[in-house]
Amino acid sequence: MNGKGSAAPFSSSSELLCVLSMTHSQPLGNGARERSATLHLCKPLCIRAARHQGLTAGTEPQLRCGLWIVSPAIGLADVIEMAGVPTSAWPVAASSACGERNEGKHLMGGRPRLFADIAVEAAREAARRAGVDDQDPEIVRIGDRAVLRLADGHIIARVARSLDRLDSSRREVEIARWLTTEGLTVTRPLEGEQPYLAAGTVVSLWHAVEGDWTVPADLAAVLRRLHALRPPPNLALPELEPLERLDERIESAPALTAADRLTLRTLTRTLREDLADAAYVLPRAVIHGDANIGNVLRTSSGEVVLFDLEGLCWGPPEWDLAITAVYRDLGWHTDAEYERFCEVYGFDVTRLPRYQVLRAVRELRMTCWLAQKAGDSEEIAAEVRRRIADLKEPDRPRHWHPY
């Protein structure tokens, strides 16, 4: 997957990235002479472009599949237009969909670009297409995706790290619109078809919400309502995957040592086995997936707004409730706040016989998430090292800092 000599036949349509390598001796519609070009596109787009040019696998020019780290060639606009591919769909980042360590970086002139730069470009392009002021986008935070403010803070752009998040971003927009019809107050996407393909990645635009951080009891009330809902038949929600993308994050985190990676991989395998034996009390429901206090705000009118809907799925409600319990265990919520949270929801997840397994999974996920940012500062790198050391000893007191 990492060498130019590698070539593989196309597999399933779920394969996320491939490379279309063309050498064409005929004019491409603009009098161009023979050129050799390499273009990153999603697989379906590659196939369309290749078929239009009469290219097939195993012939010359060759259609090759892999994750080559290359810069997009200049002068392919005609090929892309003839294939019906919008220019916003390329160049695509060399993605981490298969564990590559350069997630969120495009190559420009052979040099990687920071994801922050890509996010700004993508947000501006999406804003222009939506008719929104694209001047001076402000980065709010960067994690699994980037969040930026646009239009003097009235619009929020959420920018994915790669095109593999297209389906989940589209589903997030559909989820938000469904929950609004159900009377649940959630963040609202801009009207019209979304998300956008921009600067080689996926962007969704949302109405900003002005509000303040609230208390765990407010989160409990929102979760109680959410867990009672049933989605319409045309909204297919995935099943919960508690360890989703952990292997990828472990491999791509910039500052982990080989020993750190081994520790996290081993713990992931152990917890996968432990989760298989976990028993739950509450009936299966629609759950948020990342129901922490940072994903709700209370507005000046008293409404509590739920955010970050990308992870909504089917699963045990205990998964949502465990985050607040873990935050209490870490000292980020008080005992009184947690007690009130349990009263409002009507259940205390820490009474589960296997609560410690849920806690361990949550701690592992929190650590792997932060490890993606370990290269940002020595402070974060030290926090990641502290967390990994603690994960080796489940009973050791935690002195973790929230991020």
Protein backbone atom coordinates (compact mmCIF):
# COMPACT_ATOMS: atom_id res chain seq x y z
CA MET A 1 0.00 0.00 0.00
CA ASN A 2 2.92 2.33 0.28
CA GLY A 3 4.96 1.71 -2.80
CA LYS A 4 4.53 2.80 -6.35
CA GLY A 5 5.27 -0.70 -7.50
CA SER A 6 2.19 -2.07 -5.76
CA ALA A 7 -0.93 -2.57 -7.77
CA ALA A 8 -4.11 -4.33 -6.82
CA PRO A 9 -7.43 -5.02 -8.50
CA PHE A 10 -10.45 -3.09 -7.34
CA SER A 11 -12.15 -4.70 -4.39
CA SER A 12 -15.52 -3.70 -2.93
CA SER A 13 -17.15 -0.33 -3.36
CA SER A 14 -16.43 0.38 0.29
CA GLU A 15 -12.74 0.88 -0.50
CA LEU A 16 -12.23 4.54 0.16
CA LEU A 17 -9.30 5.72 -1.88
CA CYS A 18 -7.51 4.69 -4.99
CA VAL A 19 -5.17 6.21 -7.49
CA LEU A 20 -5.98 6.77 -11.12
CA SER A 21 -2.69 6.74 -13.00
CA MET A 22 -3.03 7.73 -16.62
CA THR A 23 -0.64 8.23 -19.47
CA HIS A 24 -2.60 9.61 -22.38
CA SER A 25 -1.02 10.43 -25.73
CA GLN A 26 -4.13 12.04 -27.18
CA PRO A 27 -5.31 15.58 -26.53
CA LEU A 28 -7.56 15.89 -23.47
CA GLY A 29 -9.78 18.52 -25.04
CA ASN A 30 -7.42 21.43 -24.63
CA GLY A 31 -4.68 20.53 -27.08
CA ALA A 32 -2.49 19.15 -24.34
CA ARG A 33 0.39 16.96 -25.34
CA GLU A 34 1.23 13.59 -23.83
CA ARG A 35 1.21 13.76 -20.09
CA SER A 36 1.43 11.44 -17.16
CA ALA A 37 -0.83 12.24 -14.27
CA THR A 38 -1.84 10.85 -10.94
CA LEU A 39 -5.12 11.77 -9.33
CA HIS A 40 -6.54 10.91 -5.91
CA LEU A 41 -10.27 10.29 -5.99
CA CYS A 42 -12.86 8.21 -4.25
CA LYS A 43 -13.14 4.85 -5.92
CA PRO A 44 -16.48 5.44 -7.66
CA LEU A 45 -15.16 8.66 -9.15
CA CYS A 46 -12.01 6.92 -10.32
CA ILE A 47 -14.06 4.27 -12.06
CA ARG A 48 -16.23 6.86 -13.79
CA ALA A 49 -13.24 8.85 -14.99
CA ALA A 50 -11.43 5.71 -16.19
CA ARG A 51 -14.44 4.35 -18.05
CA HIS A 52 -14.97 7.68 -19.75
CA GLN A 53 -11.39 7.57 -21.01
CA GLY A 54 -11.72 3.92 -22.07
CA LEU A 55 -9.27 2.74 -19.44
CA THR A 56 -9.56 -0.68 -17.79
CA ALA A 57 -7.51 -2.49 -15.20
CA GLY A 58 -4.68 -4.60 -16.58
CA THR A 59 -4.23 -2.59 -19.79
CA GLU A 60 -2.13 0.37 -20.78
CA PRO A 61 -2.76 3.04 -19.59
CA GLN A 62 -3.17 1.28 -16.26
CA LEU A 63 -5.79 1.78 -13.59
CA ARG A 64 -4.08 1.04 -10.31
CA CYS A 65 -5.43 0.83 -6.83
CA GLY A 66 -3.54 1.67 -3.66
CA LEU A 67 -2.74 4.44 -1.23
CA TRP A 68 0.19 6.12 -2.90
CA ILE A 69 1.45 9.31 -1.38
CA VAL A 70 1.60 11.63 -4.37
CA SER A 71 0.71 15.18 -5.27
CA PRO A 72 -2.21 15.78 -7.63
CA ALA A 73 -1.15 16.57 -11.16
CA ILE A 74 -1.86 19.82 -12.91
CA GLY A 75 -4.00 19.91 -15.99
CA LEU A 76 -6.60 17.20 -15.35
CA ALA A 77 -9.58 19.55 -15.27
CA ASP A 78 -10.80 18.31 -18.63
CA VAL A 79 -10.67 14.67 -17.59
CA ILE A 80 -12.53 15.47 -14.39
CA GLU A 81 -15.19 17.54 -16.15
CA MET A 82 -15.78 14.85 -18.80
CA ALA A 83 -16.21 12.28 -16.04
CA GLY A 84 -18.77 14.48 -14.31
CA VAL A 85 -16.59 14.90 -11.23
CA PRO A 86 -16.89 18.28 -9.47
CA THR A 87 -13.56 19.97 -8.97
CA SER A 88 -14.44 20.26 -5.28
CA ALA A 89 -13.95 16.50 -5.00
CA TRP A 90 -10.21 16.63 -5.58
CA PRO A 91 -7.42 16.53 -4.58
CA VAL A 92 -8.25 14.00 -1.87
CA ALA A 93 -5.95 13.63 1.10
CA ALA A 94 -3.76 10.60 1.39
CA SER A 95 -6.17 9.13 3.89
CA SER A 96 -5.73 7.17 7.06
CA ALA A 97 -8.69 4.98 6.19
CA CYS A 98 -6.32 2.03 6.14
CA GLY A 99 -4.08 3.21 8.94
CA GLU A 100 -1.79 5.61 7.10
CA ARG A 101 -0.08 8.00 9.48
CA ASN A 102 -0.58 11.10 7.39
CA GLU A 103 -4.30 11.44 8.10
CA GLY A 104 -5.59 14.89 7.43
CA LYS A 105 -2.62 15.95 5.30
CA HIS A 106 -2.69 16.65 1.61
CA LEU A 107 0.47 16.81 -0.40
CA MET A 108 1.22 20.07 -2.16
CA GLY A 109 4.36 20.04 -4.23
CA GLY A 110 5.44 16.92 -2.34
CA ARG A 111 5.14 18.61 1.06
CA PRO A 112 2.38 17.70 3.53
CA ARG A 113 -0.11 20.40 4.46
CA LEU A 114 -1.41 20.71 7.98
CA PHE A 115 -5.01 19.68 8.53
CA ALA A 116 -5.72 23.13 9.99
CA ASP A 117 -4.82 24.71 6.64
CA ILE A 118 -6.94 22.21 4.73
CA ALA A 119 -9.87 22.82 7.10
CA VAL A 120 -9.75 26.59 6.53
CA GLU A 121 -9.67 26.13 2.76
CA ALA A 122 -12.50 23.58 2.84
CA ALA A 123 -14.68 25.75 5.09
CA ARG A 124 -14.21 28.76 2.82
CA GLU A 125 -15.10 26.79 -0.29
CA ALA A 126 -18.21 25.29 1.30
CA ALA A 127 -19.28 28.70 2.59
CA ARG A 128 -18.96 30.28 -0.85
CA ARG A 129 -21.10 27.56 -2.38
CA ALA A 130 -23.70 28.01 0.36
CA GLY A 131 -23.77 31.78 -0.12
CA VAL A 132 -22.23 32.39 3.30
CA ASP A 133 -19.54 34.94 4.13
CA ASP A 134 -16.27 33.02 3.91
CA GLN A 135 -13.94 35.72 5.22
CA ASP A 136 -11.72 35.14 8.24
CA PRO A 137 -12.80 31.66 9.37
CA GLU A 138 -11.85 31.06 12.99
CA ILE A 139 -10.72 27.62 14.15
CA VAL A 140 -12.56 26.68 17.33
CA ARG A 141 -10.97 23.27 17.86
CA ILE A 142 -9.34 20.42 16.00
CA GLY A 143 -9.90 16.81 16.96
CA ASP A 144 -11.35 14.01 14.87
CA ARG A 145 -12.57 16.88 12.73
CA ALA A 146 -12.10 20.62 12.68
CA VAL A 147 -14.73 23.06 13.91
CA LEU A 148 -14.60 26.62 12.57
CA ARG A 149 -16.70 29.78 12.93
CA LEU A 150 -17.81 31.66 9.84
CA ALA A 151 -19.95 34.71 9.04
CA ASP A 152 -19.05 36.63 12.19
CA GLY A 153 -19.71 33.57 14.30
CA HIS A 154 -23.22 32.88 13.00
CA ILE A 155 -22.25 29.73 11.07
CA ILE A 156 -20.26 26.70 12.20
CA ALA A 157 -18.29 24.55 9.74
CA ARG A 158 -17.41 20.97 10.63
CA VAL A 159 -14.61 19.66 8.46
CA ALA A 160 -13.74 15.96 8.32
CA ARG A 161 -10.17 14.75 8.00
CA SER A 162 -10.89 12.71 4.88
CA LEU A 163 -13.60 11.60 2.50
CA ASP A 164 -14.18 8.38 4.42
CA ARG A 165 -16.46 10.44 6.69
CA LEU A 166 -18.84 11.36 3.86
CA ASP A 167 -21.56 8.88 4.80
CA SER A 168 -21.41 9.69 8.51
CA SER A 169 -21.49 13.43 7.82
CA ARG A 170 -24.51 13.03 5.56
CA ARG A 171 -26.20 10.91 8.22
CA GLU A 172 -25.47 13.54 10.88
CA VAL A 173 -27.38 16.14 8.85
CA GLU A 174 -30.32 13.75 8.43
CA ILE A 175 -30.26 12.93 12.15
CA ALA A 176 -30.35 16.59 13.14
CA ARG A 177 -33.37 17.22 10.93
CA TRP A 178 -35.17 14.17 12.29
CA LEU A 179 -34.53 15.07 15.94
CA THR A 180 -35.79 18.59 15.30
CA THR A 181 -39.08 17.18 14.02
CA GLU A 182 -39.27 15.12 17.22
CA GLY A 183 -39.07 18.28 19.32
CA LEU A 184 -35.55 17.64 20.62
CA THR A 185 -33.45 20.80 20.60
CA VAL A 186 -30.29 20.04 18.64
CA THR A 187 -27.79 21.90 16.54
CA ARG A 188 -29.36 22.72 13.13
CA PRO A 189 -27.70 22.32 9.73
CA LEU A 190 -28.10 25.00 7.10
CA GLU A 191 -30.93 24.42 4.69
CA GLY A 192 -30.30 22.66 1.39
CA GLU A 193 -28.42 19.56 0.40
CA GLN A 194 -25.48 18.77 2.66
CA PRO A 195 -22.67 17.97 3.26
CA TYR A 196 -20.31 19.57 0.76
CA LEU A 197 -17.25 18.06 -0.88
CA ALA A 198 -14.65 20.81 -0.63
CA ALA A 199 -10.85 20.91 -0.83
CA GLY A 200 -10.74 17.14 -0.98
CA THR A 201 -12.72 16.48 2.17
CA VAL A 202 -16.22 16.73 3.68
CA VAL A 203 -17.75 19.89 5.16
CA SER A 204 -21.11 20.46 6.83
CA LEU A 205 -22.44 23.91 7.76
CA TRP A 206 -24.55 24.58 10.84
CA HIS A 207 -26.32 27.44 12.57
CA ALA A 208 -24.25 28.57 15.54
CA VAL A 209 -25.77 28.39 19.02
CA GLU A 210 -25.00 30.94 21.70
CA GLY A 211 -25.06 29.43 25.15
CA ASP A 212 -23.16 28.43 28.27
CA TRP A 213 -21.89 25.16 29.63
CA THR A 214 -24.52 23.50 31.74
CA VAL A 215 -24.75 20.81 34.42
CA PRO A 216 -24.91 16.99 34.14
CA ALA A 217 -28.58 16.97 35.17
CA ASP A 218 -29.47 18.85 31.98
CA LEU A 219 -27.59 16.26 29.95
CA ALA A 220 -29.49 13.49 31.75
CA ALA A 221 -32.83 15.03 30.78
CA VAL A 222 -31.80 15.23 27.12
CA LEU A 223 -30.54 11.63 27.11
CA ARG A 224 -33.72 10.35 28.70
CA ARG A 225 -35.74 11.88 25.83
CA LEU A 226 -33.28 10.74 23.16
CA HIS A 227 -33.23 7.14 24.35
CA ALA A 228 -37.02 6.96 24.10
CA LEU A 229 -37.10 7.92 20.39
CA ARG A 230 -37.33 5.59 17.40
CA PRO A 231 -35.97 6.75 14.04
CA PRO A 232 -38.03 6.68 10.85
CA PRO A 233 -37.57 3.66 8.56
CA ASN A 234 -35.58 5.66 6.02
CA LEU A 235 -32.92 6.64 8.58
CA ALA A 236 -30.58 3.70 9.01
CA LEU A 237 -28.51 4.06 12.15
CA PRO A 238 -25.42 1.91 12.65
CA GLU A 239 -24.76 -0.34 15.62
CA LEU A 240 -22.49 0.91 18.38
CA GLU A 241 -18.83 0.05 17.88
CA PRO A 242 -17.22 0.85 21.25
CA LEU A 243 -13.68 0.45 19.93
CA GLU A 244 -14.27 2.08 16.55
CA ARG A 245 -11.16 3.59 14.94
CA LEU A 246 -8.95 2.92 17.97
CA ASP A 247 -6.48 0.81 15.99
CA GLU A 248 -6.25 3.60 13.44
CA ARG A 249 -5.69 6.26 16.07
CA ILE A 250 -3.03 4.20 17.82
CA GLU A 251 -1.08 3.81 14.59
CA SER A 252 -1.46 7.41 13.43
CA ALA A 253 -0.81 9.27 16.73
CA PRO A 254 2.35 11.33 16.15
CA ALA A 255 4.18 11.13 19.47
CA LEU A 256 3.64 7.57 20.67
CA THR A 257 6.61 5.29 21.22
CA ALA A 258 6.65 1.69 20.04
CA ALA A 259 6.08 0.63 23.65
CA ASP A 260 3.10 3.00 23.95
CA ARG A 261 1.53 1.55 20.82
CA LEU A 262 2.03 -1.98 22.07
CA THR A 263 0.41 -1.10 25.40
CA LEU A 264 -2.63 0.46 23.71
CA ARG A 265 -2.99 -2.36 21.17
CA THR A 266 -2.85 -4.99 23.93
CA LEU A 267 -5.42 -3.15 26.02
CA THR A 268 -7.69 -2.79 23.00
CA ARG A 269 -7.61 -6.54 22.37
CA THR A 270 -8.30 -7.29 26.03
CA LEU A 271 -11.22 -4.89 26.25
CA ARG A 272 -12.72 -6.22 23.02
CA GLU A 273 -12.92 -9.63 24.68
CA ASP A 274 -14.28 -8.15 27.92
CA LEU A 275 -16.99 -6.23 26.07
CA ALA A 276 -18.21 -9.43 24.45
CA ASP A 277 -19.20 -10.66 27.92
CA ALA A 278 -20.75 -7.41 29.13
CA ALA A 279 -24.42 -7.59 30.15
CA TYR A 280 -26.71 -4.58 30.20
CA VAL A 281 -29.91 -3.80 32.10
CA LEU A 282 -31.58 -1.10 30.02
CA PRO A 283 -33.29 -1.92 26.71
CA ARG A 284 -31.42 -1.22 23.49
CA ALA A 285 -32.08 2.32 22.24
CA VAL A 286 -30.95 5.16 20.03
CA ILE A 287 -27.89 6.52 21.81
CA HIS A 288 -25.70 9.56 21.26
CA GLY A 289 -22.38 7.75 21.36
CA ASP A 290 -20.36 10.59 22.92
CA ALA A 291 -22.73 12.05 25.49
CA ASN A 292 -20.34 14.17 27.51
CA ILE A 293 -21.10 17.51 29.11
CA GLY A 294 -19.19 19.32 26.35
CA ASN A 295 -21.84 18.35 23.83
CA VAL A 296 -24.69 20.32 25.41
CA LEU A 297 -25.19 24.06 25.88
CA ARG A 298 -27.89 26.01 27.71
CA THR A 299 -29.12 29.06 25.81
CA SER A 300 -30.25 32.34 27.35
CA SER A 301 -33.86 31.20 26.84
CA GLY A 302 -33.22 28.09 28.93
CA GLU A 303 -33.14 25.56 26.09
CA VAL A 304 -30.56 22.79 26.32
CA VAL A 305 -29.07 22.12 22.88
CA LEU A 306 -27.44 18.80 21.96
CA PHE A 307 -24.42 18.78 19.64
CA ASP A 308 -22.09 16.39 17.83
CA LEU A 309 -24.68 14.03 16.40
CA GLU A 310 -22.33 12.13 14.07
CA GLY A 311 -22.03 9.16 16.44
CA LEU A 312 -25.76 8.56 16.95
CA CYS A 313 -26.39 4.81 16.74
CA TRP A 314 -28.20 1.82 18.21
CA GLY A 315 -26.76 0.52 21.44
CA PRO A 316 -27.10 0.15 25.21
CA PRO A 317 -28.06 3.42 26.96
CA GLU A 318 -25.48 2.52 29.59
CA TRP A 319 -22.82 3.50 27.05
CA ASP A 320 -24.06 7.11 27.07
CA LEU A 321 -24.46 7.19 30.84
CA ALA A 322 -20.97 5.87 31.51
CA ILE A 323 -19.23 9.04 30.33
CA THR A 324 -20.66 11.15 33.12
CA ALA A 325 -19.79 8.44 35.64
CA VAL A 326 -16.20 8.34 34.37
CA TYR A 327 -15.96 12.12 34.57
CA ARG A 328 -17.13 11.88 38.21
CA ASP A 329 -14.49 9.21 38.88
CA LEU A 330 -11.84 11.51 37.39
CA GLY A 331 -12.98 14.41 39.59
CA TRP A 332 -14.36 16.43 36.66
CA HIS A 333 -17.90 16.23 38.10
CA THR A 334 -18.72 16.36 41.81
CA ASP A 335 -20.46 13.54 43.66
CA ALA A 336 -23.49 15.78 44.09
CA GLU A 337 -23.64 16.51 40.36
CA TYR A 338 -23.45 12.84 39.54
CA GLU A 339 -26.12 11.93 42.08
CA ARG A 340 -28.46 14.49 40.54
CA PHE A 341 -27.64 13.16 37.05
CA CYS A 342 -28.73 9.68 38.16
CA GLU A 343 -31.92 11.03 39.75
CA VAL A 344 -32.96 12.86 36.58
CA TYR A 345 -32.24 9.93 34.27
CA GLY A 346 -33.49 7.29 36.71
CA PHE A 347 -30.51 4.92 36.59
CA ASP A 348 -26.99 4.65 38.01
CA VAL A 349 -24.69 2.93 35.54
CA THR A 350 -21.99 2.32 38.16
CA ARG A 351 -24.21 -0.40 39.65
CA LEU A 352 -23.64 -2.58 36.62
CA PRO A 353 -21.43 -5.59 37.43
CA ARG A 354 -19.24 -4.76 34.42
CA TYR A 355 -19.14 -0.99 34.84
CA GLN A 356 -15.36 -1.15 35.21
CA VAL A 357 -15.16 -2.50 31.67
CA LEU A 358 -17.14 0.46 30.33
CA ARG A 359 -14.93 2.79 32.33
CA ALA A 360 -11.77 1.19 30.96
CA VAL A 361 -13.04 1.50 27.39
CA ARG A 362 -13.93 5.14 27.91
CA GLU A 363 -10.51 5.89 29.40
CA LEU A 364 -8.81 4.15 26.49
CA ARG A 365 -10.85 6.13 23.96
CA MET A 366 -10.10 9.40 25.74
CA THR A 367 -6.39 8.61 25.74
CA CYS A 368 -6.27 7.63 22.06
CA TRP A 369 -8.22 10.75 21.12
CA LEU A 370 -5.80 13.00 22.98
CA ALA A 371 -2.82 11.15 21.51
CA GLN A 372 -3.78 12.60 18.11
CA LYS A 373 -2.91 16.03 19.53
CA ALA A 374 0.26 15.01 21.38
CA GLY A 375 2.41 16.76 18.80
CA ASP A 376 0.74 20.09 19.53
CA SER A 377 2.54 20.75 22.81
CA GLU A 378 4.73 19.12 25.43
CA GLU A 379 1.93 19.63 27.94
CA ILE A 380 -0.43 17.40 25.95
CA ALA A 381 2.34 14.89 25.27
CA ALA A 382 3.01 14.64 29.02
CA GLU A 383 -0.70 14.16 29.69
CA VAL A 384 -0.83 11.32 27.16
CA ARG A 385 2.19 9.64 28.80
CA ARG A 386 0.51 9.96 32.22
CA ARG A 387 -2.71 8.43 30.92
CA ILE A 388 -0.96 5.49 29.26
CA ALA A 389 0.93 4.77 32.48
CA ASP A 390 -2.35 4.82 34.41
CA LEU A 391 -4.08 2.51 31.92
CA LYS A 392 -1.55 -0.16 32.82
CA GLU A 393 -2.74 0.02 36.45
CA PRO A 394 -6.57 0.21 36.59
CA ASP A 395 -6.68 0.78 40.35
CA ARG A 396 -4.19 3.64 40.44
CA PRO A 397 -5.74 7.05 41.22
CA ARG A 398 -6.18 9.22 38.14
CA HIS A 399 -4.96 12.79 37.99
CA TRP A 400 -6.03 13.56 34.46
CA HIS A 401 -6.68 16.98 33.03
CA PRO A 402 -9.70 17.60 30.76
CA TYR A 403 -9.11 18.67 27.16
